[in-house]
Amino acid sequence: LCPSFYLTLCFSHLLCTYSTVTQFHPRLHVCMPYHWESDSHEIFQYLFETIVGFLLPFTFILFCYISVICRLRSAMFQRQGRGNALILLIIVAFAVFWLPYHLINILQVIGVIQGSSSSVLKAAKVARPNVTAFAFMSSSVNPVLYVFAGSSHIRQAGLGFMAKLFEGTNSESASTRSSRGSNAESSVFTKLSVKLSRKGDWARDETPGGEDETMAGVQNRNEMKTLTTLH
């Protein structure tokens, strides 16, 4: 967790680097974007925000929640639909609240490339305060999804639904390990059986008398019984 924390701290420091406080009148100070009068800095900031702040996290979220859905199905819950619906709501909420902000980032990059007189750049700057406020509303929606919808799922699926989830995944891994172990044991048993049978054949060939041959057969059968008991 510590590397992730420091990495997030470094990424969030980028916002402070490209921001400045502007005074509109003595009682009003507003934090405004500032890119050191450089188009390359402006393009870098908004592309970096979109790639690192949206595309990569959204891909990671999809991967994690798809894995959770697969585990829910393998655990054979009675109410899988509610768990799947909760996961889909979380993914859709993230996309709905943050996609407009990053679309404005892309539009502003296109406007900067076209020139300062571009209508796309002007529209992006006008829309930025609204989409920024809308994006931060996701912070108030996530607790509703996680707490209220999640607690409803726990009440209807049972308090032990997480235990069932891990029990289902652990049982799959345990069955895989047991099948591998049984295959290995049967292979060893087969090899030892063949070895003992060959040993019995050699004893019969080398023994001249019938009594000694009988004793060798009895010894061989005793070894086979012991091996079967151990198996």
Protein backbone atom coordinates (compact mmCIF):
# COMPACT_ATOMS: atom_id res chain seq x y z
CA LEU A 1 0.00 0.00 0.00
CA CYS A 2 2.85 2.42 0.72
CA PRO A 3 4.19 2.51 -2.87
CA SER A 4 0.66 3.11 -4.17
CA PHE A 5 0.18 5.94 -1.68
CA TYR A 6 3.40 7.70 -2.67
CA LEU A 7 2.67 7.17 -6.35
CA THR A 8 -0.78 8.74 -5.94
CA LEU A 9 0.77 11.63 -4.01
CA CYS A 10 3.22 12.29 -6.84
CA PHE A 11 0.47 12.22 -9.46
CA SER A 12 -1.78 14.56 -7.45
CA HIS A 13 1.12 17.01 -7.07
CA LEU A 14 0.78 17.65 -10.80
CA LEU A 15 -2.46 19.54 -10.16
CA CYS A 16 -0.64 21.94 -7.82
CA THR A 17 2.07 22.48 -10.43
CA TYR A 18 -0.44 23.58 -13.06
CA SER A 19 -2.69 25.69 -10.82
CA THR A 20 -2.60 29.21 -9.50
CA VAL A 21 -4.82 31.36 -7.29
CA THR A 22 -6.39 34.31 -9.11
CA GLN A 23 -7.96 37.24 -7.26
CA PHE A 24 -11.11 38.55 -8.93
CA HIS A 25 -11.89 41.06 -6.16
CA PRO A 26 -10.68 41.52 -2.57
CA ARG A 27 -12.98 38.82 -1.16
CA LEU A 28 -12.91 36.31 -4.01
CA HIS A 29 -9.93 34.11 -4.82
CA VAL A 30 -10.31 31.32 -7.37
CA CYS A 31 -7.95 28.46 -8.21
CA MET A 32 -7.39 28.55 -11.97
CA PRO A 33 -5.40 26.37 -14.40
CA TYR A 34 -1.97 27.78 -15.20
CA HIS A 35 0.36 26.19 -17.76
CA TRP A 36 3.28 28.62 -17.73
CA GLU A 37 2.10 30.11 -21.03
CA SER A 38 3.11 26.92 -22.83
CA ASP A 39 0.86 24.83 -25.08
CA SER A 40 3.01 21.74 -24.55
CA HIS A 41 2.46 21.91 -20.76
CA GLU A 42 -1.29 22.24 -21.26
CA ILE A 43 -1.40 19.28 -23.65
CA PHE A 44 0.74 17.19 -21.30
CA GLN A 45 -1.43 17.86 -18.25
CA TYR A 46 -4.76 17.00 -19.82
CA LEU A 47 -3.49 13.92 -21.67
CA PHE A 48 -1.73 12.72 -18.51
CA GLU A 49 -4.93 13.19 -16.48
CA THR A 50 -7.00 11.27 -19.01
CA ILE A 51 -4.60 8.35 -19.39
CA VAL A 52 -3.47 7.95 -15.76
CA GLY A 53 -6.63 9.24 -14.09
CA PHE A 54 -9.29 7.54 -16.23
CA LEU A 55 -8.18 4.99 -18.81
CA LEU A 56 -5.81 2.99 -16.59
CA PRO A 57 -8.05 3.03 -13.47
CA PHE A 58 -11.15 2.18 -15.49
CA THR A 59 -9.36 -0.77 -17.10
CA PHE A 60 -8.17 -1.96 -13.67
CA ILE A 61 -11.67 -1.58 -12.20
CA LEU A 62 -13.18 -3.59 -15.05
CA PHE A 63 -10.63 -6.37 -14.58
CA CYS A 64 -11.18 -6.55 -10.80
CA TYR A 65 -14.98 -6.49 -10.91
CA ILE A 66 -15.17 -9.02 -13.73
CA SER A 67 -13.04 -11.30 -11.55
CA VAL A 68 -15.47 -10.74 -8.67
CA ILE A 69 -18.45 -11.59 -10.91
CA CYS A 70 -16.76 -14.80 -12.02
CA ARG A 71 -16.17 -15.76 -8.39
CA LEU A 72 -19.75 -14.96 -7.48
CA ARG A 73 -20.95 -17.30 -10.22
CA SER A 74 -18.53 -20.06 -9.27
CA ALA A 75 -19.62 -19.79 -5.61
CA MET A 76 -23.22 -20.51 -6.73
CA PHE A 77 -25.07 -17.83 -4.80
CA GLN A 78 -28.84 -17.92 -4.83
CA ARG A 79 -29.05 -14.19 -5.63
CA GLN A 80 -26.28 -13.58 -8.11
CA GLY A 81 -28.31 -10.95 -9.95
CA ARG A 82 -28.15 -8.45 -7.09
CA GLY A 83 -24.38 -8.79 -6.73
CA ASN A 84 -23.88 -8.37 -10.47
CA ALA A 85 -26.21 -5.35 -10.51
CA LEU A 86 -24.25 -3.68 -7.68
CA ILE A 87 -20.96 -4.19 -9.51
CA LEU A 88 -22.42 -2.84 -12.75
CA LEU A 89 -23.76 0.22 -10.90
CA ILE A 90 -20.30 0.97 -9.51
CA ILE A 91 -18.70 0.71 -12.95
CA VAL A 92 -21.40 2.78 -14.64
CA ALA A 93 -21.26 5.45 -11.92
CA PHE A 94 -17.52 5.84 -12.36
CA ALA A 95 -17.88 6.17 -16.13
CA VAL A 96 -20.87 8.55 -16.01
CA PHE A 97 -19.30 10.99 -13.56
CA TRP A 98 -15.74 11.05 -14.90
CA LEU A 99 -16.18 10.55 -18.65
CA PRO A 100 -17.47 14.12 -19.34
CA TYR A 101 -14.47 15.63 -17.53
CA HIS A 102 -11.97 13.66 -19.58
CA LEU A 103 -13.87 14.32 -22.80
CA ILE A 104 -13.39 18.02 -22.09
CA ASN A 105 -9.68 17.30 -21.54
CA ILE A 106 -9.46 15.74 -25.00
CA LEU A 107 -11.46 18.58 -26.58
CA GLN A 108 -9.21 21.16 -24.96
CA VAL A 109 -6.11 19.37 -26.26
CA ILE A 110 -7.63 19.42 -29.75
CA GLY A 111 -8.43 23.12 -29.35
CA VAL A 112 -4.89 23.95 -28.25
CA ILE A 113 -3.49 22.13 -31.27
CA GLN A 114 -5.87 24.04 -33.58
CA GLY A 115 -4.95 27.41 -32.08
CA SER A 116 -6.06 29.90 -29.44
CA SER A 117 -8.91 31.17 -31.64
CA SER A 118 -10.47 27.71 -31.96
CA SER A 119 -14.13 27.43 -31.02
CA VAL A 120 -13.46 23.97 -29.59
CA LEU A 121 -10.97 25.46 -27.11
CA LYS A 122 -13.42 28.16 -26.05
CA ALA A 123 -16.25 25.65 -25.55
CA ALA A 124 -13.98 23.36 -23.51
CA LYS A 125 -12.93 26.20 -21.20
CA VAL A 126 -16.55 27.22 -20.67
CA ALA A 127 -17.65 23.67 -19.87
CA ARG A 128 -14.69 22.78 -17.61
CA PRO A 129 -16.06 24.21 -14.31
CA ASN A 130 -19.36 22.35 -14.75
CA VAL A 131 -17.86 18.96 -15.62
CA THR A 132 -15.32 19.34 -12.80
CA ALA A 133 -18.10 19.84 -10.23
CA PHE A 134 -20.05 16.95 -11.76
CA ALA A 135 -17.00 14.66 -11.53
CA PHE A 136 -16.51 15.37 -7.82
CA MET A 137 -20.14 14.42 -7.19
CA SER A 138 -19.03 10.80 -7.59
CA SER A 139 -17.53 11.07 -4.11
CA SER A 140 -21.04 11.42 -2.69
CA VAL A 141 -22.55 8.69 -4.86
CA ASN A 142 -19.99 5.99 -4.03
CA PRO A 143 -20.96 5.78 -0.32
CA VAL A 144 -24.59 5.28 -1.36
CA LEU A 145 -23.63 2.42 -3.66
CA TYR A 146 -21.21 0.75 -1.26
CA VAL A 147 -23.14 1.20 2.00
CA PHE A 148 -26.84 1.12 1.16
CA ALA A 149 -26.83 -1.18 -1.84
CA GLY A 150 -24.07 -3.31 -0.31
CA SER A 151 -25.87 -3.67 3.03
CA SER A 152 -29.08 -4.60 1.19
CA HIS A 153 -27.15 -7.30 -0.65
CA ILE A 154 -25.74 -8.60 2.66
CA ARG A 155 -29.21 -8.76 4.22
CA GLN A 156 -30.68 -10.71 1.33
CA ALA A 157 -27.69 -12.92 0.48
CA GLY A 158 -26.77 -13.56 4.12
CA LEU A 159 -24.03 -12.36 6.42
CA GLY A 160 -21.82 -15.22 5.32
CA PHE A 161 -21.87 -14.41 1.62
CA MET A 162 -18.21 -13.37 1.67
CA ALA A 163 -17.34 -16.61 3.44
CA LYS A 164 -19.26 -18.47 0.73
CA LEU A 165 -17.37 -16.54 -1.91
CA PHE A 166 -13.96 -17.49 -0.54
CA GLU A 167 -15.18 -20.99 0.29
CA GLY A 168 -16.20 -21.48 -3.33
CA THR A 169 -12.87 -20.31 -4.67
CA ASN A 170 -10.90 -22.28 -2.08
CA SER A 171 -12.88 -25.45 -2.79
CA GLU A 172 -11.99 -25.15 -6.47
CA SER A 173 -8.30 -24.78 -5.71
CA ALA A 174 -8.46 -27.59 -3.12
CA SER A 175 -10.16 -29.94 -5.58
CA THR A 176 -7.49 -29.15 -8.16
CA ARG A 177 -4.72 -29.86 -5.68
CA SER A 178 -6.39 -33.09 -4.49
CA SER A 179 -6.85 -34.34 -8.06
CA ARG A 180 -3.19 -33.65 -8.78
CA GLY A 181 -2.17 -35.44 -5.57
CA SER A 182 -4.34 -38.47 -6.30
CA ASN A 183 -2.90 -38.73 -9.80
CA ALA A 184 0.64 -38.62 -8.41
CA GLU A 185 -0.17 -41.26 -5.77
CA SER A 186 -1.76 -43.58 -8.31
CA SER A 187 1.27 -43.20 -10.57
CA VAL A 188 3.63 -44.13 -7.73
CA PHE A 189 1.41 -47.06 -6.76
CA THR A 190 1.44 -48.37 -10.34
CA LYS A 191 5.23 -48.15 -10.57
CA LEU A 192 5.71 -49.99 -7.27
CA SER A 193 3.23 -52.69 -8.31
CA VAL A 194 5.11 -53.32 -11.54
CA LYS A 195 8.39 -53.40 -9.66
CA LEU A 196 7.11 -55.97 -7.14
CA SER A 197 5.61 -58.15 -9.87
CA ARG A 198 8.93 -58.19 -11.70
CA LYS A 199 10.66 -59.03 -8.45
CA GLY A 200 8.32 -62.01 -8.00
CA ASP A 201 9.06 -63.24 -11.52
CA TRP A 202 12.79 -63.06 -10.92
CA ALA A 203 12.37 -64.96 -7.63
CA ARG A 204 10.45 -67.76 -9.37
CA ASP A 205 13.06 -68.04 -12.10
CA GLU A 206 15.95 -68.22 -9.69
CA THR A 207 14.31 -70.57 -7.11
CA PRO A 208 14.93 -74.29 -7.90
CA GLY A 209 12.53 -75.85 -5.38
CA GLY A 210 8.79 -75.53 -5.19
CA GLU A 211 8.86 -74.72 -1.48
CA ASP A 212 11.22 -71.79 -1.95
CA GLU A 213 9.09 -70.61 -4.87
CA THR A 214 6.01 -70.71 -2.65
CA MET A 215 7.78 -68.75 0.07
CA ALA A 216 8.85 -66.11 -2.47
CA GLY A 217 5.25 -65.80 -3.71
CA VAL A 218 3.94 -65.42 -0.17
CA GLN A 219 6.51 -62.73 0.57
CA ASN A 220 5.60 -60.91 -2.60
CA ARG A 221 1.88 -61.01 -1.77
CA ASN A 222 2.58 -59.70 1.75
CA GLU A 223 4.48 -56.75 0.30
CA MET A 224 1.57 -56.05 -2.06
CA LYS A 225 -0.91 -56.11 0.86
CA THR A 226 1.26 -53.70 2.85
CA LEU A 227 1.54 -51.36 -0.14
CA THR A 228 -2.24 -51.46 -0.67
CA THR A 229 -2.86 -50.66 3.01
CA LEU A 230 -0.51 -47.68 2.91
CA HIS A 231 -2.16 -46.39 -0.25
